[in-house]
Amino acid sequence: KEHLFADIFERDVLTYAQRELVTVSVIAALGDLQ
């Protein structure tokens, strides 16, 4: 909560949608993290 969703998601260079696009891409690329 404090670091990921506050420190990182609060930063405004990327939108929430762009950050979720990054997150989905990373998790999908790593595989087996359903």
Full PDB file with SEQRES, HELIX, SHEET, SSBOND, CRYST1, ORIGX, SCALE, CONECT and MASTER records, all heavy atoms in Angstrom:
SEQRES   1 A   34  LYS GLU HIS LEU PHE ALA ASP ILE PHE GLU ARG ASP VAL          
SEQRES   2 A   34  LEU THR TYR ALA GLN ARG GLU LEU VAL THR VAL SER VAL          
SEQRES   3 A   34  ILE ALA ALA LEU GLY ASP LEU GLN                              
HELIX    1 AA1 GLU A    2  ILE A    8  3                                   7    
HELIX    2 AA2 TYR A   16  LEU A   30  1                                  15    
CRYST1    1.000    1.000    1.000  90.00  90.00  90.00 P 1           1          
ORIGX1      1.000000  0.000000  0.000000        0.00000                         
ORIGX2      0.000000  1.000000  0.000000        0.00000                         
ORIGX3      0.000000  0.000000  1.000000        0.00000                         
SCALE1      1.000000  0.000000  0.000000        0.00000                         
SCALE2      0.000000  1.000000  0.000000        0.00000                         
SCALE3      0.000000  0.000000  1.000000        0.00000                         
ATOM      1  N   LYS A   1       0.823  -1.205   0.000  1.00  0.00           N  
ATOM      2  CA  LYS A   1       0.000   0.000   0.000  1.00  0.00           C  
ATOM      3  C   LYS A   1       0.861   1.262   0.000  1.00  0.00           C  
ATOM      4  O   LYS A   1       0.616   2.201  -0.764  1.00  0.00           O  
ATOM      5  CB  LYS A   1      -0.922   0.015   1.234  1.00  0.00           C  
ATOM      6  CG  LYS A   1      -1.971  -1.090   1.258  1.00  0.00           C  
ATOM      7  CD  LYS A   1      -2.999  -0.946   0.163  1.00  0.00           C  
ATOM      8  CE  LYS A   1      -4.223  -1.831   0.403  1.00  0.00           C  
ATOM      9  NZ  LYS A   1      -3.943  -3.247   0.582  1.00  0.00           N  
ATOM     10  N   GLU A   2       1.870   1.318   0.877  1.00  0.00           N  
ATOM     11  CA  GLU A   2       2.634   2.549   1.027  1.00  0.00           C  
ATOM     12  C   GLU A   2       3.571   2.799  -0.157  1.00  0.00           C  
ATOM     13  O   GLU A   2       3.709   3.937  -0.618  1.00  0.00           O  
ATOM     14  CB  GLU A   2       3.458   2.515   2.325  1.00  0.00           C  
ATOM     15  CG  GLU A   2       2.626   2.578   3.592  1.00  0.00           C  
ATOM     16  CD  GLU A   2       3.487   2.744   4.829  1.00  0.00           C  
ATOM     17  OE1 GLU A   2       4.737   2.743   4.700  1.00  0.00           O  
ATOM     18  OE2 GLU A   2       2.930   2.881   5.937  1.00  0.00           O  
ATOM     19  N   HIS A   3       4.221   1.740  -0.571  1.00  0.00           N  
ATOM     20  CA  HIS A   3       5.243   1.954  -1.596  1.00  0.00           C  
ATOM     21  C   HIS A   3       4.680   1.784  -3.005  1.00  0.00           C  
ATOM     22  O   HIS A   3       4.798   2.689  -3.841  1.00  0.00           O  
ATOM     23  CB  HIS A   3       6.414   1.003  -1.385  1.00  0.00           C  
ATOM     24  CG  HIS A   3       7.534   1.231  -2.346  1.00  0.00           C  
ATOM     25  ND1 HIS A   3       8.044   2.494  -2.604  1.00  0.00           N  
ATOM     26  CD2 HIS A   3       8.221   0.381  -3.133  1.00  0.00           C  
ATOM     27  CE1 HIS A   3       9.003   2.394  -3.499  1.00  0.00           C  
ATOM     28  NE2 HIS A   3       9.129   1.138  -3.844  1.00  0.00           N  
ATOM     29  N   LEU A   4       4.045   0.640  -3.272  1.00  0.00           N  
ATOM     30  CA  LEU A   4       3.574   0.378  -4.624  1.00  0.00           C  
ATOM     31  C   LEU A   4       2.467   1.346  -5.040  1.00  0.00           C  
ATOM     32  O   LEU A   4       2.595   2.081  -6.030  1.00  0.00           O  
ATOM     33  CB  LEU A   4       3.084  -1.067  -4.739  1.00  0.00           C  
ATOM     34  CG  LEU A   4       2.540  -1.491  -6.101  1.00  0.00           C  
ATOM     35  CD1 LEU A   4       3.569  -1.274  -7.185  1.00  0.00           C  
ATOM     36  CD2 LEU A   4       2.117  -2.952  -6.077  1.00  0.00           C  
ATOM     37  N   PHE A   5       1.377   1.377  -4.276  1.00  0.00           N  
ATOM     38  CA  PHE A   5       0.238   2.179  -4.704  1.00  0.00           C  
ATOM     39  C   PHE A   5       0.327   3.646  -4.282  1.00  0.00           C  
ATOM     40  O   PHE A   5      -0.369   4.484  -4.838  1.00  0.00           O  
ATOM     41  CB  PHE A   5      -1.069   1.557  -4.196  1.00  0.00           C  
ATOM     42  CG  PHE A   5      -1.418   0.301  -4.944  1.00  0.00           C  
ATOM     43  CD1 PHE A   5      -1.260  -0.943  -4.358  1.00  0.00           C  
ATOM     44  CD2 PHE A   5      -1.879   0.367  -6.252  1.00  0.00           C  
ATOM     45  CE1 PHE A   5      -1.561  -2.100  -5.051  1.00  0.00           C  
ATOM     46  CE2 PHE A   5      -2.178  -0.791  -6.955  1.00  0.00           C  
ATOM     47  CZ  PHE A   5      -2.022  -2.027  -6.354  1.00  0.00           C  
ATOM     48  N   ALA A   6       1.192   3.969  -3.319  1.00  0.00           N  
ATOM     49  CA  ALA A   6       1.389   5.384  -2.976  1.00  0.00           C  
ATOM     50  C   ALA A   6       2.612   5.919  -3.706  1.00  0.00           C  
ATOM     51  O   ALA A   6       2.505   6.705  -4.642  1.00  0.00           O  
ATOM     52  CB  ALA A   6       1.513   5.563  -1.470  1.00  0.00           C  
ATOM     53  N   ASP A   7       3.794   5.448  -3.343  1.00  0.00           N  
ATOM     54  CA  ASP A   7       5.020   5.994  -3.917  1.00  0.00           C  
ATOM     55  C   ASP A   7       5.066   5.892  -5.441  1.00  0.00           C  
ATOM     56  O   ASP A   7       5.520   6.817  -6.119  1.00  0.00           O  
ATOM     57  CB  ASP A   7       6.243   5.275  -3.340  1.00  0.00           C  
ATOM     58  CG  ASP A   7       6.536   5.686  -1.905  1.00  0.00           C  
ATOM     59  OD1 ASP A   7       6.087   6.778  -1.513  1.00  0.00           O  
ATOM     60  OD2 ASP A   7       7.181   4.911  -1.186  1.00  0.00           O  
ATOM     61  N   ILE A   8       4.631   4.761  -5.994  1.00  0.00           N  
ATOM     62  CA  ILE A   8       4.767   4.554  -7.439  1.00  0.00           C  
ATOM     63  C   ILE A   8       3.545   5.051  -8.208  1.00  0.00           C  
ATOM     64  O   ILE A   8       3.652   5.885  -9.101  1.00  0.00           O  
ATOM     65  CB  ILE A   8       5.040   3.064  -7.747  1.00  0.00           C  
ATOM     66  CG1 ILE A   8       6.376   2.641  -7.126  1.00  0.00           C  
ATOM     67  CG2 ILE A   8       5.041   2.816  -9.245  1.00  0.00           C  
ATOM     68  CD1 ILE A   8       6.749   1.198  -7.351  1.00  0.00           C  
ATOM     69  N   PHE A   9       2.360   4.568  -7.861  1.00  0.00           N  
ATOM     70  CA  PHE A   9       1.165   4.938  -8.620  1.00  0.00           C  
ATOM     71  C   PHE A   9       0.816   6.413  -8.472  1.00  0.00           C  
ATOM     72  O   PHE A   9       0.129   6.977  -9.318  1.00  0.00           O  
ATOM     73  CB  PHE A   9      -0.025   4.068  -8.205  1.00  0.00           C  
ATOM     74  CG  PHE A   9      -0.183   2.818  -9.035  1.00  0.00           C  
ATOM     75  CD1 PHE A   9       0.592   1.697  -8.781  1.00  0.00           C  
ATOM     76  CD2 PHE A   9      -1.100   2.766 -10.069  1.00  0.00           C  
ATOM     77  CE1 PHE A   9       0.456   0.545  -9.533  1.00  0.00           C  
ATOM     78  CE2 PHE A   9      -1.250   1.624 -10.832  1.00  0.00           C  
ATOM     79  CZ  PHE A   9      -0.467   0.506 -10.576  1.00  0.00           C  
ATOM     80  N   GLU A  10       1.280   7.058  -7.401  1.00  0.00           N  
ATOM     81  CA  GLU A  10       0.998   8.484  -7.230  1.00  0.00           C  
ATOM     82  C   GLU A  10       1.771   9.356  -8.210  1.00  0.00           C  
ATOM     83  O   GLU A  10       1.378  10.486  -8.471  1.00  0.00           O  
ATOM     84  CB  GLU A  10       1.339   8.923  -5.796  1.00  0.00           C  
ATOM     85  CG  GLU A  10       0.160   8.872  -4.853  1.00  0.00           C  
ATOM     86  CD  GLU A  10       0.498   9.510  -3.510  1.00  0.00           C  
ATOM     87  OE1 GLU A  10       1.640   9.353  -3.035  1.00  0.00           O  
ATOM     88  OE2 GLU A  10      -0.381  10.174  -2.941  1.00  0.00           O  
ATOM     89  N   ARG A  11       2.839   8.837  -8.750  1.00  0.00           N  
ATOM     90  CA  ARG A  11       3.648   9.630  -9.674  1.00  0.00           C  
ATOM     91  C   ARG A  11       2.848   9.867 -10.953  1.00  0.00           C  
ATOM     92  O   ARG A  11       2.169   8.973 -11.461  1.00  0.00           O  
ATOM     93  CB  ARG A  11       4.969   8.911  -9.969  1.00  0.00           C  
ATOM     94  CG  ARG A  11       5.866   8.838  -8.741  1.00  0.00           C  
ATOM     95  CD  ARG A  11       7.046   7.909  -8.967  1.00  0.00           C  
ATOM     96  NE  ARG A  11       7.937   8.382 -10.016  1.00  0.00           N  
ATOM     97  CZ  ARG A  11       8.887   9.293  -9.856  1.00  0.00           C  
ATOM     98  NH1 ARG A  11       9.070   9.850  -8.655  1.00  0.00           N  
ATOM     99  NH2 ARG A  11       9.671   9.656 -10.853  1.00  0.00           N  
ATOM    100  N   ASP A  12       2.929  11.092 -11.496  1.00  0.00           N  
ATOM    101  CA  ASP A  12       1.992  11.484 -12.545  1.00  0.00           C  
ATOM    102  C   ASP A  12       2.554  11.477 -13.962  1.00  0.00           C  
ATOM    103  O   ASP A  12       1.888  11.911 -14.896  1.00  0.00           O  
ATOM    104  CB  ASP A  12       1.417  12.872 -12.249  1.00  0.00           C  
ATOM    105  CG  ASP A  12       2.503  13.956 -12.179  1.00  0.00           C  
ATOM    106  OD1 ASP A  12       3.693  13.633 -12.352  1.00  0.00           O  
ATOM    107  OD2 ASP A  12       2.140  15.125 -11.957  1.00  0.00           O  
ATOM    108  N   VAL A  13       3.759  10.987 -14.182  1.00  0.00           N  
ATOM    109  CA  VAL A  13       4.295  10.939 -15.545  1.00  0.00           C  
ATOM    110  C   VAL A  13       3.494   9.949 -16.390  1.00  0.00           C  
ATOM    111  O   VAL A  13       3.210  10.191 -17.563  1.00  0.00           O  
ATOM    112  CB  VAL A  13       5.790  10.561 -15.533  1.00  0.00           C  
ATOM    113  CG1 VAL A  13       6.289  10.303 -16.951  1.00  0.00           C  
ATOM    114  CG2 VAL A  13       6.594  11.688 -14.897  1.00  0.00           C  
ATOM    115  N   LEU A  14       3.133   8.827 -15.795  1.00  0.00           N  
ATOM    116  CA  LEU A  14       2.292   7.842 -16.462  1.00  0.00           C  
ATOM    117  C   LEU A  14       0.898   7.871 -15.850  1.00  0.00           C  
ATOM    118  O   LEU A  14       0.740   8.096 -14.659  1.00  0.00           O  
ATOM    119  CB  LEU A  14       2.870   6.433 -16.323  1.00  0.00           C  
ATOM    120  CG  LEU A  14       4.251   6.163 -16.933  1.00  0.00           C  
ATOM    121  CD1 LEU A  14       4.653   4.709 -16.686  1.00  0.00           C  
ATOM    122  CD2 LEU A  14       4.281   6.480 -18.423  1.00  0.00           C  
ATOM    123  N   THR A  15      -0.103   7.607 -16.669  1.00  0.00           N  
ATOM    124  CA  THR A  15      -1.471   7.502 -16.172  1.00  0.00           C  
ATOM    125  C   THR A  15      -1.678   6.146 -15.511  1.00  0.00           C  
ATOM    126  O   THR A  15      -0.864   5.226 -15.667  1.00  0.00           O  
ATOM    127  CB  THR A  15      -2.474   7.637 -17.327  1.00  0.00           C  
ATOM    128  OG1 THR A  15      -2.317   6.514 -18.216  1.00  0.00           O  
ATOM    129  CG2 THR A  15      -2.253   8.936 -18.097  1.00  0.00           C  
ATOM    130  N   TYR A  16      -2.779   6.008 -14.786  1.00  0.00           N  
ATOM    131  CA  TYR A  16      -3.110   4.706 -14.210  1.00  0.00           C  
ATOM    132  C   TYR A  16      -3.215   3.648 -15.298  1.00  0.00           C  
ATOM    133  O   TYR A  16      -2.768   2.499 -15.120  1.00  0.00           O  
ATOM    134  CB  TYR A  16      -4.443   4.782 -13.449  1.00  0.00           C  
ATOM    135  CG  TYR A  16      -4.387   5.509 -12.117  1.00  0.00           C  
ATOM    136  CD1 TYR A  16      -5.567   5.847 -11.453  1.00  0.00           C  
ATOM    137  CD2 TYR A  16      -3.182   5.854 -11.525  1.00  0.00           C  
ATOM    138  CE1 TYR A  16      -5.550   6.510 -10.228  1.00  0.00           C  
ATOM    139  CE2 TYR A  16      -3.150   6.522 -10.303  1.00  0.00           C  
ATOM    140  CZ  TYR A  16      -4.329   6.852  -9.665  1.00  0.00           C  
ATOM    141  OH  TYR A  16      -4.299   7.510  -8.461  1.00  0.00           O  
ATOM    142  N   ALA A  17      -3.820   4.000 -16.425  1.00  0.00           N  
ATOM    143  CA  ALA A  17      -3.975   3.035 -17.520  1.00  0.00           C  
ATOM    144  C   ALA A  17      -2.615   2.586 -18.040  1.00  0.00           C  
ATOM    145  O   ALA A  17      -2.389   1.393 -18.288  1.00  0.00           O  
ATOM    146  CB  ALA A  17      -4.810   3.643 -18.645  1.00  0.00           C  
ATOM    147  N   GLN A  18      -1.687   3.530 -18.208  1.00  0.00           N  
ATOM    148  CA  GLN A  18      -0.354   3.163 -18.683  1.00  0.00           C  
ATOM    149  C   GLN A  18       0.372   2.284 -17.663  1.00  0.00           C  
ATOM    150  O   GLN A  18       1.065   1.325 -18.025  1.00  0.00           O  
ATOM    151  CB  GLN A  18       0.460   4.423 -18.972  1.00  0.00           C  
ATOM    152  CG  GLN A  18       0.003   5.176 -20.213  1.00  0.00           C  
ATOM    153  CD  GLN A  18       0.710   6.503 -20.363  1.00  0.00           C  
ATOM    154  OE1 GLN A  18       0.882   7.257 -19.391  1.00  0.00           O  
ATOM    155  NE2 GLN A  18       1.130   6.826 -21.575  1.00  0.00           N  
ATOM    156  N   ARG A  19       0.205   2.592 -16.389  1.00  0.00           N  
ATOM    157  CA  ARG A  19       0.868   1.783 -15.355  1.00  0.00           C  
ATOM    158  C   ARG A  19       0.293   0.363 -15.325  1.00  0.00           C  
ATOM    159  O   ARG A  19       1.031  -0.602 -15.134  1.00  0.00           O  
ATOM    160  CB  ARG A  19       0.734   2.472 -13.989  1.00  0.00           C  
ATOM    161  CG  ARG A  19       1.567   3.749 -13.895  1.00  0.00           C  
ATOM    162  CD  ARG A  19       1.663   4.288 -12.480  1.00  0.00           C  
ATOM    163  NE  ARG A  19       2.453   5.524 -12.451  1.00  0.00           N  
ATOM    164  CZ  ARG A  19       3.784   5.568 -12.442  1.00  0.00           C  
ATOM    165  NH1 ARG A  19       4.470   4.433 -12.455  1.00  0.00           N  
ATOM    166  NH2 ARG A  19       4.420   6.728 -12.427  1.00  0.00           N  
ATOM    167  N   GLU A  20      -0.999   0.238 -15.528  1.00  0.00           N  
ATOM    168  CA  GLU A  20      -1.573  -1.104 -15.562  1.00  0.00           C  
ATOM    169  C   GLU A  20      -1.150  -1.852 -16.825  1.00  0.00           C  
ATOM    170  O   GLU A  20      -0.988  -3.071 -16.806  1.00  0.00           O  
ATOM    171  CB  GLU A  20      -3.101  -1.043 -15.456  1.00  0.00           C  
ATOM    172  CG  GLU A  20      -3.606  -0.778 -14.051  1.00  0.00           C  
ATOM    173  CD  GLU A  20      -3.128  -1.804 -13.030  1.00  0.00           C  
ATOM    174  OE1 GLU A  20      -2.814  -2.950 -13.414  1.00  0.00           O  
ATOM    175  OE2 GLU A  20      -3.038  -1.459 -11.840  1.00  0.00           O  
ATOM    176  N   LEU A  21      -0.940  -1.123 -17.915  1.00  0.00           N  
ATOM    177  CA  LEU A  21      -0.426  -1.747 -19.129  1.00  0.00           C  
ATOM    178  C   LEU A  21       0.976  -2.301 -18.886  1.00  0.00           C  
ATOM    179  O   LEU A  21       1.304  -3.423 -19.304  1.00  0.00           O  
ATOM    180  CB  LEU A  21      -0.409  -0.723 -20.260  1.00  0.00           C  
ATOM    181  CG  LEU A  21      -0.361  -1.241 -21.690  1.00  0.00           C  
ATOM    182  CD1 LEU A  21      -1.554  -2.132 -21.990  1.00  0.00           C  
ATOM    183  CD2 LEU A  21      -0.320  -0.062 -22.659  1.00  0.00           C  
ATOM    184  N   VAL A  22       1.807  -1.527 -18.190  1.00  0.00           N  
ATOM    185  CA  VAL A  22       3.142  -2.009 -17.813  1.00  0.00           C  
ATOM    186  C   VAL A  22       3.023  -3.249 -16.934  1.00  0.00           C  
ATOM    187  O   VAL A  22       3.682  -4.270 -17.171  1.00  0.00           O  
ATOM    188  CB  VAL A  22       3.931  -0.913 -17.060  1.00  0.00           C  
ATOM    189  CG1 VAL A  22       5.272  -1.464 -16.554  1.00  0.00           C  
ATOM    190  CG2 VAL A  22       4.161   0.296 -17.949  1.00  0.00           C  
ATOM    191  N   THR A  23       2.172  -3.173 -15.933  1.00  0.00           N  
ATOM    192  CA  THR A  23       2.047  -4.252 -14.957  1.00  0.00           C  
ATOM    193  C   THR A  23       1.561  -5.547 -15.609  1.00  0.00           C  
ATOM    194  O   THR A  23       2.129  -6.620 -15.381  1.00  0.00           O  
ATOM    195  CB  THR A  23       1.079  -3.840 -13.829  1.00  0.00           C  
ATOM    196  OG1 THR A  23       1.522  -2.599 -13.261  1.00  0.00           O  
ATOM    197  CG2 THR A  23       1.034  -4.895 -12.749  1.00  0.00           C  
ATOM    198  N   VAL A  24       0.520  -5.449 -16.432  1.00  0.00           N  
ATOM    199  CA  VAL A  24       0.004  -6.631 -17.126  1.00  0.00           C  
ATOM    200  C   VAL A  24       1.082  -7.235 -18.025  1.00  0.00           C  
ATOM    201  O   VAL A  24       1.259  -8.458 -18.073  1.00  0.00           O  
ATOM    202  CB  VAL A  24      -1.253  -6.277 -17.941  1.00  0.00           C  
ATOM    203  CG1 VAL A  24      -1.631  -7.408 -18.904  1.00  0.00           C  
ATOM    204  CG2 VAL A  24      -2.422  -5.969 -17.021  1.00  0.00           C  
ATOM    205  N   SER A  25       1.821  -6.388 -18.716  1.00  0.00           N  
ATOM    206  CA  SER A  25       2.861  -6.871 -19.638  1.00  0.00           C  
ATOM    207  C   SER A  25       3.968  -7.605 -18.892  1.00  0.00           C  
ATOM    208  O   SER A  25       4.441  -8.663 -19.337  1.00  0.00           O  
ATOM    209  CB  SER A  25       3.434  -5.697 -20.430  1.00  0.00           C  
ATOM    210  OG  SER A  25       2.425  -5.012 -21.138  1.00  0.00           O  
ATOM    211  N   VAL A  26       4.393  -7.046 -17.766  1.00  0.00           N  
ATOM    212  CA  VAL A  26       5.457  -7.676 -16.974  1.00  0.00           C  
ATOM    213  C   VAL A  26       5.006  -9.038 -16.446  1.00  0.00           C  
ATOM    214  O   VAL A  26       5.702 -10.044 -16.588  1.00  0.00           O  
ATOM    215  CB  VAL A  26       5.879  -6.767 -15.810  1.00  0.00           C  
ATOM    216  CG1 VAL A  26       6.794  -7.518 -14.854  1.00  0.00           C  
ATOM    217  CG2 VAL A  26       6.567  -5.528 -16.328  1.00  0.00           C  
ATOM    218  N   ILE A  27       3.829  -9.064 -15.845  1.00  0.00           N  
ATOM    219  CA  ILE A  27       3.345 -10.307 -15.241  1.00  0.00           C  
ATOM    220  C   ILE A  27       3.111 -11.364 -16.308  1.00  0.00           C  
ATOM    221  O   ILE A  27       3.456 -12.546 -16.131  1.00  0.00           O  
ATOM    222  CB  ILE A  27       2.062 -10.057 -14.426  1.00  0.00           C  
ATOM    223  CG1 ILE A  27       2.355  -9.088 -13.281  1.00  0.00           C  
ATOM    224  CG2 ILE A  27       1.505 -11.355 -13.872  1.00  0.00           C  
ATOM    225  CD1 ILE A  27       1.116  -8.614 -12.543  1.00  0.00           C  
ATOM    226  N   ALA A  28       2.537 -10.966 -17.449  1.00  0.00           N  
ATOM    227  CA  ALA A  28       2.306 -11.917 -18.533  1.00  0.00           C  
ATOM    228  C   ALA A  28       3.624 -12.449 -19.082  1.00  0.00           C  
ATOM    229  O   ALA A  28       3.750 -13.638 -19.384  1.00  0.00           O  
ATOM    230  CB  ALA A  28       1.494 -11.259 -19.648  1.00  0.00           C  
ATOM    231  N   ALA A  29       4.628 -11.585 -19.211  1.00  0.00           N  
ATOM    232  CA  ALA A  29       5.922 -12.007 -19.739  1.00  0.00           C  
ATOM    233  C   ALA A  29       6.634 -12.968 -18.801  1.00  0.00           C  
ATOM    234  O   ALA A  29       7.346 -13.877 -19.242  1.00  0.00           O  
ATOM    235  CB  ALA A  29       6.805 -10.790 -20.006  1.00  0.00           C  
ATOM    236  N   LEU A  30       6.451 -12.786 -17.489  1.00  0.00           N  
ATOM    237  CA  LEU A  30       7.083 -13.686 -16.513  1.00  0.00           C  
ATOM    238  C   LEU A  30       6.405 -15.048 -16.480  1.00  0.00           C  
ATOM    239  O   LEU A  30       7.041 -16.050 -16.183  1.00  0.00           O  
ATOM    240  CB  LEU A  30       7.066 -13.042 -15.124  1.00  0.00           C  
ATOM    241  CG  LEU A  30       7.932 -11.788 -14.967  1.00  0.00           C  
ATOM    242  CD1 LEU A  30       7.730 -11.180 -13.590  1.00  0.00           C  
ATOM    243  CD2 LEU A  30       9.407 -12.113 -15.192  1.00  0.00           C  
ATOM    244  N   GLY A  31       5.105 -15.085 -16.784  1.00  0.00           N  
ATOM    245  CA  GLY A  31       4.380 -16.349 -16.883  1.00  0.00           C  
ATOM    246  C   GLY A  31       4.040 -16.968 -15.547  1.00  0.00           C  
ATOM    247  O   GLY A  31       4.662 -16.705 -14.518  1.00  0.00           O  
ATOM    248  N   ASP A  32       2.989 -17.818 -15.579  1.00  0.00           N  
ATOM    249  CA  ASP A  32       2.596 -18.644 -14.437  1.00  0.00           C  
ATOM    250  C   ASP A  32       2.340 -17.831 -13.164  1.00  0.00           C  
ATOM    251  O   ASP A  32       2.755 -18.216 -12.071  1.00  0.00           O  
ATOM    252  CB  ASP A  32       3.664 -19.711 -14.169  1.00  0.00           C  
ATOM    253  CG  ASP A  32       3.124 -20.851 -13.288  1.00  0.00           C  
ATOM    254  OD1 ASP A  32       1.896 -21.055 -13.305  1.00  0.00           O  
ATOM    255  OD2 ASP A  32       3.922 -21.497 -12.600  1.00  0.00           O  
ATOM    256  N   LEU A  33       1.687 -16.679 -13.317  1.00  0.00           N  
ATOM    257  CA  LEU A  33       1.346 -15.842 -12.164  1.00  0.00           C  
ATOM    258  C   LEU A  33      -0.138 -15.483 -12.255  1.00  0.00           C  
ATOM    259  O   LEU A  33      -0.527 -14.314 -12.222  1.00  0.00           O  
ATOM    260  CB  LEU A  33       2.216 -14.579 -12.135  1.00  0.00           C  
ATOM    261  CG  LEU A  33       3.714 -14.808 -11.893  1.00  0.00           C  
ATOM    262  CD1 LEU A  33       4.501 -13.545 -12.182  1.00  0.00           C  
ATOM    263  CD2 LEU A  33       3.974 -15.270 -10.467  1.00  0.00           C  
ATOM    264  N   GLN A  34      -0.976 -16.509 -12.370  1.00  0.00           N  
ATOM    265  CA  GLN A  34      -2.380 -16.315 -12.695  1.00  0.00           C  
ATOM    266  C   GLN A  34      -3.127 -15.368 -11.739  1.00  0.00           C  
ATOM    267  O   GLN A  34      -3.827 -14.468 -12.206  1.00  0.00           O  
ATOM    268  CB  GLN A  34      -3.109 -17.658 -12.757  1.00  0.00           C  
ATOM    269  CG  GLN A  34      -4.591 -17.521 -13.091  1.00  0.00           C  
ATOM    270  CD  GLN A  34      -5.260 -18.868 -13.194  1.00  0.00           C  
ATOM    271  OE1 GLN A  34      -4.613 -19.894 -13.212  1.00  0.00           O  
ATOM    272  NE2 GLN A  34      -6.584 -18.858 -13.253  1.00  0.00           N  
TER     273      GLN A  34                                                      
MASTER        0    0    0    2    0    0    0    6  272    1    0    3          
END                                                                             
